[in-house]
């Protein structure tokens, strides 16, 4: 590890996908009163975040977890009385 590079610690999660992403990124789990995920540096933490996004982002059918991509968005019009209308 580079002298200037410092460890990155974050609160551990019991979620299976979070633990799997941590292992895939090369991090380790530190047990204790407040368990932590420990990464050797910010680059490794960035890999962990990227892997989590990829795991969460795409389902088998290619749709995103946010919902139906074909759904119409609700339009909101701003009135002069400063009220929103749906």
C-alpha atoms as a PDB file:
ATOM      1  CA  UNK A   1       0.000   0.000   0.000  1.00  0.00           C
ATOM      2  CA  UNK A   2       1.278   3.446  -0.905  1.00  0.00           C
ATOM      3  CA  UNK A   3       2.324   5.600   2.073  1.00  0.00           C
ATOM      4  CA  UNK A   4      -0.016   8.402   1.009  1.00  0.00           C
ATOM      5  CA  UNK A   5      -2.970   6.063   0.504  1.00  0.00           C
ATOM      6  CA  UNK A   6      -5.071   5.567   3.615  1.00  0.00           C
ATOM      7  CA  UNK A   7      -7.545   2.853   4.513  1.00  0.00           C
ATOM      8  CA  UNK A   8     -11.205   3.573   3.924  1.00  0.00           C
ATOM      9  CA  UNK A   9     -13.691   2.258   6.470  1.00  0.00           C
ATOM     10  CA  UNK A  10     -17.461   2.243   6.150  1.00  0.00           C
ATOM     11  CA  UNK A  11     -20.298   0.842   8.233  1.00  0.00           C
ATOM     12  CA  UNK A  12     -20.802  -2.846   7.451  1.00  0.00           C
ATOM     13  CA  UNK A  13     -24.034  -4.130   5.976  1.00  0.00           C
ATOM     14  CA  UNK A  14     -25.566  -7.564   6.463  1.00  0.00           C
ATOM     15  CA  UNK A  15     -27.095  -7.450   2.970  1.00  0.00           C
ATOM     16  CA  UNK A  16     -25.784 -10.382   0.925  1.00  0.00           C
ATOM     17  CA  UNK A  17     -25.136  -8.260  -2.194  1.00  0.00           C
ATOM     18  CA  UNK A  18     -23.192  -5.678  -0.171  1.00  0.00           C
ATOM     19  CA  UNK A  19     -20.983  -8.366   1.395  1.00  0.00           C
ATOM     20  CA  UNK A  20     -20.465 -10.010  -2.011  1.00  0.00           C
ATOM     21  CA  UNK A  21     -19.511  -6.665  -3.596  1.00  0.00           C
ATOM     22  CA  UNK A  22     -17.096  -5.990  -0.733  1.00  0.00           C
ATOM     23  CA  UNK A  23     -15.407  -9.377  -1.271  1.00  0.00           C
ATOM     24  CA  UNK A  24     -15.285  -8.873  -5.060  1.00  0.00           C
ATOM     25  CA  UNK A  25     -13.639  -5.469  -4.585  1.00  0.00           C
ATOM     26  CA  UNK A  26     -11.016  -6.988  -2.274  1.00  0.00           C
ATOM     27  CA  UNK A  27     -12.197  -5.479   0.994  1.00  0.00           C
ATOM     28  CA  UNK A  28     -12.430  -7.185   4.331  1.00  0.00           C
ATOM     29  CA  UNK A  29     -14.860  -7.252   7.244  1.00  0.00           C
ATOM     30  CA  UNK A  30     -13.730  -6.140  10.694  1.00  0.00           C
ATOM     31  CA  UNK A  31     -15.969  -7.581  13.419  1.00  0.00           C
ATOM     32  CA  UNK A  32     -16.606  -5.802  16.680  1.00  0.00           C
ATOM     33  CA  UNK A  33     -19.170  -3.678  18.466  1.00  0.00           C
ATOM     34  CA  UNK A  34     -19.575  -1.649  15.266  1.00  0.00           C
ATOM     35  CA  UNK A  35     -18.608  -3.894  12.286  1.00  0.00           C
ATOM     36  CA  UNK A  36     -16.854  -2.164   9.377  1.00  0.00           C
ATOM     37  CA  UNK A  37     -15.962  -2.873   5.767  1.00  0.00           C
ATOM     38  CA  UNK A  38     -12.304  -1.951   5.292  1.00  0.00           C
ATOM     39  CA  UNK A  39     -10.750  -1.102   1.928  1.00  0.00           C
ATOM     40  CA  UNK A  40      -7.056  -0.511   1.275  1.00  0.00           C
ATOM     41  CA  UNK A  41      -7.793   2.814  -0.436  1.00  0.00           C
ATOM     42  CA  UNK A  42     -10.326   4.987  -2.190  1.00  0.00           C
ATOM     43  CA  UNK A  43      -9.850   3.166  -5.514  1.00  0.00           C
ATOM     44  CA  UNK A  44     -10.922  -0.107  -3.895  1.00  0.00           C
ATOM     45  CA  UNK A  45     -13.915   1.653  -2.302  1.00  0.00           C
ATOM     46  CA  UNK A  46     -14.863   3.064  -5.715  1.00  0.00           C
ATOM     47  CA  UNK A  47     -14.774  -0.487  -7.123  1.00  0.00           C
ATOM     48  CA  UNK A  48     -17.098  -1.594  -4.304  1.00  0.00           C
ATOM     49  CA  UNK A  49     -19.562   1.210  -5.113  1.00  0.00           C
ATOM     50  CA  UNK A  50     -19.438   0.411  -8.848  1.00  0.00           C
ATOM     51  CA  UNK A  51     -20.054  -3.303  -8.250  1.00  0.00           C
ATOM     52  CA  UNK A  52     -23.007  -2.518  -5.953  1.00  0.00           C
ATOM     53  CA  UNK A  53     -24.531  -0.196  -8.569  1.00  0.00           C
ATOM     54  CA  UNK A  54     -24.125  -2.847 -11.268  1.00  0.00           C
ATOM     55  CA  UNK A  55     -25.708  -5.522  -9.060  1.00  0.00           C
ATOM     56  CA  UNK A  56     -28.603  -3.251  -8.144  1.00  0.00           C
ATOM     57  CA  UNK A  57     -29.020  -1.573 -11.525  1.00  0.00           C
ATOM     58  CA  UNK A  58     -29.913  -4.214 -14.079  1.00  0.00           C
ATOM     59  CA  UNK A  59     -32.353  -7.083 -13.842  1.00  0.00           C
ATOM     60  CA  UNK A  60     -32.252 -10.139 -16.087  1.00  0.00           C
ATOM     61  CA  UNK A  61     -34.674  -8.566 -18.572  1.00  0.00           C
ATOM     62  CA  UNK A  62     -32.522  -5.453 -18.891  1.00  0.00           C
ATOM     63  CA  UNK A  63     -34.939  -3.112 -17.129  1.00  0.00           C
ATOM     64  CA  UNK A  64     -33.715  -0.942 -14.318  1.00  0.00           C
ATOM     65  CA  UNK A  65     -34.815  -1.344 -10.729  1.00  0.00           C
ATOM     66  CA  UNK A  66     -36.456   2.105 -10.821  1.00  0.00           C
ATOM     67  CA  UNK A  67     -39.573   0.903 -12.608  1.00  0.00           C
ATOM     68  CA  UNK A  68     -41.244   0.724 -15.973  1.00  0.00           C
ATOM     69  CA  UNK A  69     -39.217   2.650 -18.601  1.00  0.00           C
ATOM     70  CA  UNK A  70     -42.331   2.942 -20.789  1.00  0.00           C
ATOM     71  CA  UNK A  71     -44.416   4.698 -18.139  1.00  0.00           C
ATOM     72  CA  UNK A  72     -45.297   8.338 -18.742  1.00  0.00           C
ATOM     73  CA  UNK A  73     -44.089  10.923 -16.268  1.00  0.00           C
ATOM     74  CA  UNK A  74     -46.633  13.092 -14.520  1.00  0.00           C
ATOM     75  CA  UNK A  75     -46.485  16.672 -15.719  1.00  0.00           C
ATOM     76  CA  UNK A  76     -46.543  19.430 -13.155  1.00  0.00           C
ATOM     77  CA  UNK A  77     -47.514  22.920 -14.186  1.00  0.00           C
ATOM     78  CA  UNK A  78     -46.548  25.926 -12.157  1.00  0.00           C
ATOM     79  CA  UNK A  79     -49.415  28.326 -11.488  1.00  0.00           C
ATOM     80  CA  UNK A  80     -49.062  32.025 -10.911  1.00  0.00           C
ATOM     81  CA  UNK A  81     -50.416  31.456  -7.393  1.00  0.00           C
ATOM     82  CA  UNK A  82     -47.288  29.336  -6.733  1.00  0.00           C
ATOM     83  CA  UNK A  83     -49.211  26.082  -6.406  1.00  0.00           C
ATOM     84  CA  UNK A  84     -48.377  22.857  -8.156  1.00  0.00           C
ATOM     85  CA  UNK A  85     -50.992  21.081 -10.212  1.00  0.00           C
ATOM     86  CA  UNK A  86     -50.613  17.425 -11.106  1.00  0.00           C
END
